[in-house]
């Protein structure tokens, strides 16, 4: 007995290669990237770049341990709240 594997199942339709959702969000991504790259060509004004109250990024305000502990606390709080509800 030979069974053909090209049998279409009941209720199964062929899907198009590109649907409307893919076109909309793909187009949105392309337009967003184009705008980002276009705006990225411009440089900030000199008054914005050279000012007295700039943040000193070379020194650390917070330790990595504090950030990790705060993040762990937030995640645990979210888990506890979702378990109670």
PDB file of N, CA and C in Angstrom:
ATOM      1  N   UNK A   1       0.831  -1.167   0.000  1.00  0.00           N
ATOM      2  CA  UNK A   1       0.000   0.000   0.000  1.00  0.00           C
ATOM      3  C   UNK A   1       0.884   1.241   0.000  1.00  0.00           C
ATOM      4  N   UNK A   2       0.617   2.126  -0.918  1.00  0.00           N
ATOM      5  CA  UNK A   2       1.395   3.352  -1.051  1.00  0.00           C
ATOM      6  C   UNK A   2       0.551   4.526  -0.591  1.00  0.00           C
ATOM      7  N   UNK A   3       1.143   5.351   0.305  1.00  0.00           N
ATOM      8  CA  UNK A   3       0.432   6.518   0.813  1.00  0.00           C
ATOM      9  C   UNK A   3       1.143   7.762   0.300  1.00  0.00           C
ATOM     10  N   UNK A   4       0.400   8.609  -0.348  1.00  0.00           N
ATOM     11  CA  UNK A   4       0.976   9.851  -0.850  1.00  0.00           C
ATOM     12  C   UNK A   4       1.111  10.855   0.287  1.00  0.00           C
ATOM     13  N   UNK A   5       2.224  11.570   0.348  1.00  0.00           N
ATOM     14  CA  UNK A   5       2.441  12.570   1.387  1.00  0.00           C
ATOM     15  C   UNK A   5       1.981  13.963   0.961  1.00  0.00           C
ATOM     16  N   UNK A   6       1.419  14.102  -0.214  1.00  0.00           N
ATOM     17  CA  UNK A   6       0.943  15.389  -0.694  1.00  0.00           C
ATOM     18  C   UNK A   6      -0.541  15.598  -0.431  1.00  0.00           C
ATOM     19  N   UNK A   7      -1.064  14.905   0.543  1.00  0.00           N
ATOM     20  CA  UNK A   7      -2.489  14.994   0.838  1.00  0.00           C
ATOM     21  C   UNK A   7      -2.724  16.203   1.733  1.00  0.00           C
ATOM     22  N   UNK A   8      -3.629  17.071   1.325  1.00  0.00           N
ATOM     23  CA  UNK A   8      -3.975  18.236   2.131  1.00  0.00           C
ATOM     24  C   UNK A   8      -4.991  17.814   3.180  1.00  0.00           C
ATOM     25  N   UNK A   9      -4.750  18.206   4.422  1.00  0.00           N
ATOM     26  CA  UNK A   9      -5.671  17.882   5.500  1.00  0.00           C
ATOM     27  C   UNK A   9      -6.869  18.808   5.454  1.00  0.00           C
ATOM     28  N   UNK A  10      -7.948  18.367   6.038  1.00  0.00           N
ATOM     29  CA  UNK A  10      -9.178  19.161   6.053  1.00  0.00           C
ATOM     30  C   UNK A  10      -8.959  20.443   6.845  1.00  0.00           C
ATOM     31  N   UNK A  11      -9.329  21.555   6.272  1.00  0.00           N
ATOM     32  CA  UNK A  11      -9.207  22.845   6.946  1.00  0.00           C
ATOM     33  C   UNK A  11      -7.823  23.457   6.872  1.00  0.00           C
ATOM     34  N   UNK A  12      -6.899  22.825   6.198  1.00  0.00           N
ATOM     35  CA  UNK A  12      -5.541  23.359   6.111  1.00  0.00           C
ATOM     36  C   UNK A  12      -5.380  24.089   4.780  1.00  0.00           C
ATOM     37  N   UNK A  13      -5.086  25.372   4.863  1.00  0.00           N
ATOM     38  CA  UNK A  13      -4.896  26.169   3.654  1.00  0.00           C
ATOM     39  C   UNK A  13      -3.426  26.521   3.519  1.00  0.00           C
ATOM     40  N   UNK A  14      -3.050  26.820   2.301  1.00  0.00           N
ATOM     41  CA  UNK A  14      -1.684  27.283   2.088  1.00  0.00           C
ATOM     42  C   UNK A  14      -1.567  28.721   2.551  1.00  0.00           C
ATOM     43  N   UNK A  15      -0.524  28.999   3.321  1.00  0.00           N
ATOM     44  CA  UNK A  15      -0.315  30.348   3.821  1.00  0.00           C
ATOM     45  C   UNK A  15       0.517  31.126   2.808  1.00  0.00           C
ATOM     46  N   UNK A  16       0.225  32.407   2.650  1.00  0.00           N
ATOM     47  CA  UNK A  16       1.043  33.199   1.728  1.00  0.00           C
ATOM     48  C   UNK A  16       2.445  33.386   2.302  1.00  0.00           C
ATOM     49  N   UNK A  17       3.388  33.651   1.434  1.00  0.00           N
ATOM     50  CA  UNK A  17       4.774  33.819   1.855  1.00  0.00           C
ATOM     51  C   UNK A  17       4.924  35.030   2.763  1.00  0.00           C
ATOM     52  N   UNK A  18       4.264  36.136   2.426  1.00  0.00           N
ATOM     53  CA  UNK A  18       4.328  37.358   3.221  1.00  0.00           C
ATOM     54  C   UNK A  18       2.898  37.799   3.504  1.00  0.00           C
ATOM     55  N   UNK A  19       2.571  37.934   4.786  1.00  0.00           N
ATOM     56  CA  UNK A  19       1.235  38.386   5.122  1.00  0.00           C
ATOM     57  C   UNK A  19       1.249  39.882   5.432  1.00  0.00           C
ATOM     58  N   UNK A  20       0.096  40.441   5.701  1.00  0.00           N
ATOM     59  CA  UNK A  20      -0.044  41.883   5.919  1.00  0.00           C
ATOM     60  C   UNK A  20       0.706  42.327   7.174  1.00  0.00           C
ATOM     61  N   UNK A  21       0.681  41.520   8.219  1.00  0.00           N
ATOM     62  CA  UNK A  21       1.364  41.850   9.459  1.00  0.00           C
ATOM     63  C   UNK A  21       2.871  41.987   9.236  1.00  0.00           C
ATOM     64  N   UNK A  22       3.443  41.085   8.472  1.00  0.00           N
ATOM     65  CA  UNK A  22       4.870  41.141   8.171  1.00  0.00           C
ATOM     66  C   UNK A  22       5.204  42.388   7.364  1.00  0.00           C
ATOM     67  N   UNK A  23       4.358  42.730   6.423  1.00  0.00           N
ATOM     68  CA  UNK A  23       4.606  43.930   5.625  1.00  0.00           C
ATOM     69  C   UNK A  23       4.549  45.191   6.471  1.00  0.00           C
ATOM     70  N   UNK A  24       3.563  45.298   7.345  1.00  0.00           N
ATOM     71  CA  UNK A  24       3.414  46.510   8.159  1.00  0.00           C
ATOM     72  C   UNK A  24       4.593  46.666   9.108  1.00  0.00           C
ATOM     73  N   UNK A  25       4.901  45.632   9.896  1.00  0.00           N
ATOM     74  CA  UNK A  25       5.967  45.761  10.876  1.00  0.00           C
ATOM     75  C   UNK A  25       7.348  45.746  10.239  1.00  0.00           C
ATOM     76  N   UNK A  26       7.513  45.068   9.145  1.00  0.00           N
ATOM     77  CA  UNK A  26       8.775  45.139   8.411  1.00  0.00           C
ATOM     78  C   UNK A  26       8.998  46.525   7.837  1.00  0.00           C
ATOM     79  N   UNK A  27       7.944  47.118   7.277  1.00  0.00           N
ATOM     80  CA  UNK A  27       8.045  48.484   6.768  1.00  0.00           C
ATOM     81  C   UNK A  27       8.322  49.480   7.870  1.00  0.00           C
ATOM     82  N   UNK A  28       7.684  49.284   9.025  1.00  0.00           N
ATOM     83  CA  UNK A  28       7.925  50.158  10.170  1.00  0.00           C
ATOM     84  C   UNK A  28       9.377  50.065  10.637  1.00  0.00           C
ATOM     85  N   UNK A  29       9.939  48.872  10.650  1.00  0.00           N
ATOM     86  CA  UNK A  29      11.334  48.690  11.043  1.00  0.00           C
ATOM     87  C   UNK A  29      12.277  49.366  10.060  1.00  0.00           C
ATOM     88  N   UNK A  30      12.002  49.224   8.773  1.00  0.00           N
ATOM     89  CA  UNK A  30      12.863  49.842   7.759  1.00  0.00           C
ATOM     90  C   UNK A  30      12.797  51.361   7.839  1.00  0.00           C
ATOM     91  N   UNK A  31      11.593  51.917   7.998  1.00  0.00           N
ATOM     92  CA  UNK A  31      11.441  53.368   8.102  1.00  0.00           C
ATOM     93  C   UNK A  31      12.123  53.886   9.368  1.00  0.00           C
ATOM     94  N   UNK A  32      11.972  53.182  10.490  1.00  0.00           N
ATOM     95  CA  UNK A  32      12.608  53.590  11.741  1.00  0.00           C
ATOM     96  C   UNK A  32      14.125  53.577  11.612  1.00  0.00           C
ATOM     97  N   UNK A  33      14.665  52.556  10.994  1.00  0.00           N
ATOM     98  CA  UNK A  33      16.111  52.474  10.798  1.00  0.00           C
ATOM     99  C   UNK A  33      16.604  53.594   9.894  1.00  0.00           C
ATOM    100  N   UNK A  34      15.866  53.899   8.843  1.00  0.00           N
ATOM    101  CA  UNK A  34      16.257  54.982   7.940  1.00  0.00           C
ATOM    102  C   UNK A  34      16.254  56.330   8.667  1.00  0.00           C
ATOM    103  N   UNK A  35      15.230  56.572   9.481  1.00  0.00           N
ATOM    104  CA  UNK A  35      15.165  57.827  10.234  1.00  0.00           C
ATOM    105  C   UNK A  35      16.310  57.896  11.238  1.00  0.00           C
ATOM    106  N   UNK A  36      16.586  56.794  11.938  1.00  0.00           N
ATOM    107  CA  UNK A  36      17.672  56.768  12.910  1.00  0.00           C
ATOM    108  C   UNK A  36      19.013  57.060  12.243  1.00  0.00           C
ATOM    109  N   UNK A  37      19.265  56.451  11.097  1.00  0.00           N
ATOM    110  CA  UNK A  37      20.541  56.679  10.417  1.00  0.00           C
ATOM    111  C   UNK A  37      20.620  58.093   9.844  1.00  0.00           C
ATOM    112  N   UNK A  38      19.489  58.646   9.414  1.00  0.00           N
ATOM    113  CA  UNK A  38      19.494  60.014   8.893  1.00  0.00           C
ATOM    114  C   UNK A  38      19.790  61.016  10.009  1.00  0.00           C
ATOM    115  N   UNK A  39      19.139  60.848  11.153  1.00  0.00           N
ATOM    116  CA  UNK A  39      19.344  61.773  12.266  1.00  0.00           C
ATOM    117  C   UNK A  39      20.723  61.571  12.889  1.00  0.00           C
ATOM    118  N   UNK A  40      21.259  60.357  12.805  1.00  0.00           N
ATOM    119  CA  UNK A  40      22.568  60.067  13.377  1.00  0.00           C
ATOM    120  C   UNK A  40      23.709  60.816  12.724  1.00  0.00           C
ATOM    121  N   UNK A  41      23.480  61.401  11.581  1.00  0.00           N
ATOM    122  CA  UNK A  41      24.543  62.155  10.910  1.00  0.00           C
ATOM    123  C   UNK A  41      24.839  63.474  11.606  1.00  0.00           C
ATOM    124  N   UNK A  42      23.867  64.006  12.322  1.00  0.00           N
ATOM    125  CA  UNK A  42      24.019  65.325  12.914  1.00  0.00           C
ATOM    126  C   UNK A  42      24.714  65.244  14.261  1.00  0.00           C
ATOM    127  N   UNK A  43      25.520  66.257  14.572  1.00  0.00           N
ATOM    128  CA  UNK A  43      26.266  66.306  15.807  1.00  0.00           C
ATOM    129  C   UNK A  43      25.624  67.323  16.743  1.00  0.00           C
ATOM    130  N   UNK A  44      25.773  67.099  18.039  1.00  0.00           N
ATOM    131  CA  UNK A  44      25.203  68.025  19.017  1.00  0.00           C
ATOM    132  C   UNK A  44      25.937  69.366  18.954  1.00  0.00           C
ATOM    133  N   UNK A  45      25.261  70.403  19.404  1.00  0.00           N
ATOM    134  CA  UNK A  45      25.874  71.727  19.439  1.00  0.00           C
ATOM    135  C   UNK A  45      27.058  71.734  20.397  1.00  0.00           C
ATOM    136  N   UNK A  46      27.970  72.663  20.183  1.00  0.00           N
ATOM    137  CA  UNK A  46      29.143  72.782  21.040  1.00  0.00           C
ATOM    138  C   UNK A  46      28.729  73.105  22.473  1.00  0.00           C
ATOM    139  N   UNK A  47      27.687  73.898  22.648  1.00  0.00           N
ATOM    140  CA  UNK A  47      27.226  74.241  23.995  1.00  0.00           C
ATOM    141  C   UNK A  47      26.664  73.024  24.725  1.00  0.00           C
ATOM    142  N   UNK A  48      26.179  72.043  23.985  1.00  0.00           N
ATOM    143  CA  UNK A  48      25.682  70.821  24.605  1.00  0.00           C
ATOM    144  C   UNK A  48      26.819  69.860  24.949  1.00  0.00           C
ATOM    145  N   UNK A  49      27.873  69.871  24.137  1.00  0.00           N
ATOM    146  CA  UNK A  49      28.979  68.952  24.353  1.00  0.00           C
ATOM    147  C   UNK A  49      29.961  69.442  25.399  1.00  0.00           C
ATOM    148  N   UNK A  50      30.246  70.724  25.430  1.00  0.00           N
ATOM    149  CA  UNK A  50      31.268  71.276  26.322  1.00  0.00           C
ATOM    150  C   UNK A  50      30.603  72.138  27.388  1.00  0.00           C
ATOM    151  N   UNK A  51      30.153  71.522  28.464  1.00  0.00           N
ATOM    152  CA  UNK A  51      29.528  72.272  29.539  1.00  0.00           C
ATOM    153  C   UNK A  51      30.156  71.872  30.869  1.00  0.00           C
ATOM    154  N   UNK A  52      29.942  72.685  31.870  1.00  0.00           N
ATOM    155  CA  UNK A  52      30.625  72.506  33.149  1.00  0.00           C
ATOM    156  C   UNK A  52      30.024  71.393  33.998  1.00  0.00           C
ATOM    157  N   UNK A  53      28.735  71.142  33.887  1.00  0.00           N
ATOM    158  CA  UNK A  53      28.078  70.179  34.764  1.00  0.00           C
ATOM    159  C   UNK A  53      27.882  68.806  34.107  1.00  0.00           C
ATOM    160  N   UNK A  54      28.883  68.375  33.353  1.00  0.00           N
ATOM    161  CA  UNK A  54      28.802  67.076  32.701  1.00  0.00           C
ATOM    162  C   UNK A  54      28.958  65.955  33.705  1.00  0.00           C
ATOM    163  N   UNK A  55      28.367  64.803  33.424  1.00  0.00           N
ATOM    164  CA  UNK A  55      28.494  63.629  34.285  1.00  0.00           C
ATOM    165  C   UNK A  55      29.874  63.024  34.086  1.00  0.00           C
ATOM    166  N   UNK A  56      30.537  62.723  35.195  1.00  0.00           N
ATOM    167  CA  UNK A  56      31.842  62.070  35.127  1.00  0.00           C
ATOM    168  C   UNK A  56      31.629  60.561  35.047  1.00  0.00           C
ATOM    169  N   UNK A  57      31.719  60.025  33.829  1.00  0.00           N
ATOM    170  CA  UNK A  57      31.446  58.613  33.619  1.00  0.00           C
ATOM    171  C   UNK A  57      32.623  57.741  34.026  1.00  0.00           C
ATOM    172  N   UNK A  58      33.763  58.329  34.380  1.00  0.00           N
ATOM    173  CA  UNK A  58      34.922  57.521  34.737  1.00  0.00           C
ATOM    174  C   UNK A  58      34.826  56.975  36.161  1.00  0.00           C
ATOM    175  N   UNK A  59      34.049  57.601  37.047  1.00  0.00           N
ATOM    176  CA  UNK A  59      33.890  57.078  38.404  1.00  0.00           C
ATOM    177  C   UNK A  59      32.521  56.408  38.538  1.00  0.00           C
ATOM    178  N   UNK A  60      32.485  55.377  39.359  1.00  0.00           N
ATOM    179  CA  UNK A  60      31.248  54.635  39.537  1.00  0.00           C
ATOM    180  C   UNK A  60      30.441  55.218  40.674  1.00  0.00           C
ATOM    181  N   UNK A  61      29.181  55.464  40.414  1.00  0.00           N
ATOM    182  CA  UNK A  61      28.285  55.948  41.454  1.00  0.00           C
ATOM    183  C   UNK A  61      27.769  54.783  42.292  1.00  0.00           C
ATOM    184  N   UNK A  62      27.513  53.652  41.659  1.00  0.00           N
ATOM    185  CA  UNK A  62      26.970  52.474  42.327  1.00  0.00           C
ATOM    186  C   UNK A  62      27.872  51.284  42.042  1.00  0.00           C
ATOM    187  N   UNK A  63      27.983  50.408  43.013  1.00  0.00           N
ATOM    188  CA  UNK A  63      28.757  49.191  42.788  1.00  0.00           C
ATOM    189  C   UNK A  63      27.890  48.191  42.024  1.00  0.00           C
ATOM    190  N   UNK A  64      28.546  47.273  41.370  1.00  0.00           N
ATOM    191  CA  UNK A  64      27.820  46.260  40.613  1.00  0.00           C
ATOM    192  C   UNK A  64      27.051  45.328  41.546  1.00  0.00           C
ATOM    193  N   UNK A  65      27.564  45.093  42.760  1.00  0.00           N
ATOM    194  CA  UNK A  65      26.859  44.258  43.725  1.00  0.00           C
ATOM    195  C   UNK A  65      25.536  44.882  44.124  1.00  0.00           C
ATOM    196  N   UNK A  66      25.523  46.209  44.333  1.00  0.00           N
ATOM    197  CA  UNK A  66      24.276  46.882  44.703  1.00  0.00           C
ATOM    198  C   UNK A  66      23.250  46.763  43.581  1.00  0.00           C
ATOM    199  N   UNK A  67      23.695  46.968  42.364  1.00  0.00           N
ATOM    200  CA  UNK A  67      22.788  46.877  41.224  1.00  0.00           C
ATOM    201  C   UNK A  67      22.231  45.455  41.101  1.00  0.00           C
ATOM    202  N   UNK A  68      23.091  44.453  41.298  1.00  0.00           N
ATOM    203  CA  UNK A  68      22.640  43.060  41.216  1.00  0.00           C
ATOM    204  C   UNK A  68      21.641  42.749  42.329  1.00  0.00           C
ATOM    205  N   UNK A  69      21.909  43.227  43.548  1.00  0.00           N
ATOM    206  CA  UNK A  69      20.989  42.968  44.654  1.00  0.00           C
ATOM    207  C   UNK A  69      19.660  43.679  44.469  1.00  0.00           C
ATOM    208  N   UNK A  70      19.688  44.918  44.013  1.00  0.00           N
ATOM    209  CA  UNK A  70      18.437  45.637  43.735  1.00  0.00           C
ATOM    210  C   UNK A  70      17.627  44.930  42.654  1.00  0.00           C
ATOM    211  N   UNK A  71      18.313  44.476  41.612  1.00  0.00           N
ATOM    212  CA  UNK A  71      17.622  43.774  40.526  1.00  0.00           C
ATOM    213  C   UNK A  71      17.008  42.474  41.026  1.00  0.00           C
ATOM    214  N   UNK A  72      17.746  41.739  41.847  1.00  0.00           N
ATOM    215  CA  UNK A  72      17.232  40.498  42.407  1.00  0.00           C
ATOM    216  C   UNK A  72      16.017  40.780  43.287  1.00  0.00           C
ATOM    217  N   UNK A  73      16.078  41.851  44.081  1.00  0.00           N
ATOM    218  CA  UNK A  73      14.947  42.219  44.923  1.00  0.00           C
ATOM    219  C   UNK A  73      13.713  42.554  44.117  1.00  0.00           C
ATOM    220  N   UNK A  74      13.887  43.282  43.039  1.00  0.00           N
ATOM    221  CA  UNK A  74      12.752  43.660  42.189  1.00  0.00           C
ATOM    222  C   UNK A  74      12.145  42.421  41.540  1.00  0.00           C
ATOM    223  N   UNK A  75      12.989  41.528  41.042  1.00  0.00           N
ATOM    224  CA  UNK A  75      12.482  40.311  40.406  1.00  0.00           C
ATOM    225  C   UNK A  75      11.736  39.445  41.423  1.00  0.00           C
ATOM    226  N   UNK A  76      12.292  39.309  42.630  1.00  0.00           N
ATOM    227  CA  UNK A  76      11.614  38.523  43.663  1.00  0.00           C
ATOM    228  C   UNK A  76      10.278  39.147  44.048  1.00  0.00           C
ATOM    229  N   UNK A  77      10.235  40.470  44.151  1.00  0.00           N
ATOM    230  CA  UNK A  77       8.972  41.146  44.476  1.00  0.00           C
ATOM    231  C   UNK A  77       7.922  40.913  43.389  1.00  0.00           C
ATOM    232  N   UNK A  78       8.339  40.975  42.147  1.00  0.00           N
ATOM    233  CA  UNK A  78       7.405  40.735  41.033  1.00  0.00           C
ATOM    234  C   UNK A  78       6.883  39.306  41.075  1.00  0.00           C
ATOM    235  N   UNK A  79       7.793  38.347  41.341  1.00  0.00           N
ATOM    236  CA  UNK A  79       7.386  36.941  41.404  1.00  0.00           C
ATOM    237  C   UNK A  79       6.408  36.725  42.549  1.00  0.00           C
ATOM    238  N   UNK A  80       6.702  37.307  43.709  1.00  0.00           N
ATOM    239  CA  UNK A  80       5.801  37.146  44.849  1.00  0.00           C
ATOM    240  C   UNK A  80       4.438  37.758  44.596  1.00  0.00           C
ATOM    241  N   UNK A  81       4.406  38.932  43.986  1.00  0.00           N
ATOM    242  CA  UNK A  81       3.135  39.588  43.694  1.00  0.00           C
ATOM    243  C   UNK A  81       2.325  38.772  42.693  1.00  0.00           C
ATOM    244  N   UNK A  82       2.978  38.233  41.692  1.00  0.00           N
ATOM    245  CA  UNK A  82       2.239  37.467  40.677  1.00  0.00           C
ATOM    246  C   UNK A  82       1.767  36.129  41.240  1.00  0.00           C
ATOM    247  N   UNK A  83       2.490  35.564  42.210  1.00  0.00           N
ATOM    248  CA  UNK A  83       2.064  34.298  42.819  1.00  0.00           C
ATOM    249  C   UNK A  83       0.848  34.511  43.720  1.00  0.00           C
ATOM    250  N   UNK A  84       0.778  35.672  44.375  1.00  0.00           N
ATOM    251  CA  UNK A  84      -0.337  35.953  45.278  1.00  0.00           C
ATOM    252  C   UNK A  84      -1.602  36.223  44.480  1.00  0.00           C
ATOM    253  N   UNK A  85      -1.477  36.918  43.367  1.00  0.00           N
ATOM    254  CA  UNK A  85      -2.658  37.258  42.564  1.00  0.00           C
ATOM    255  C   UNK A  85      -3.065  36.095  41.770  1.00  0.00           C
TER     256      UNK A  85
END
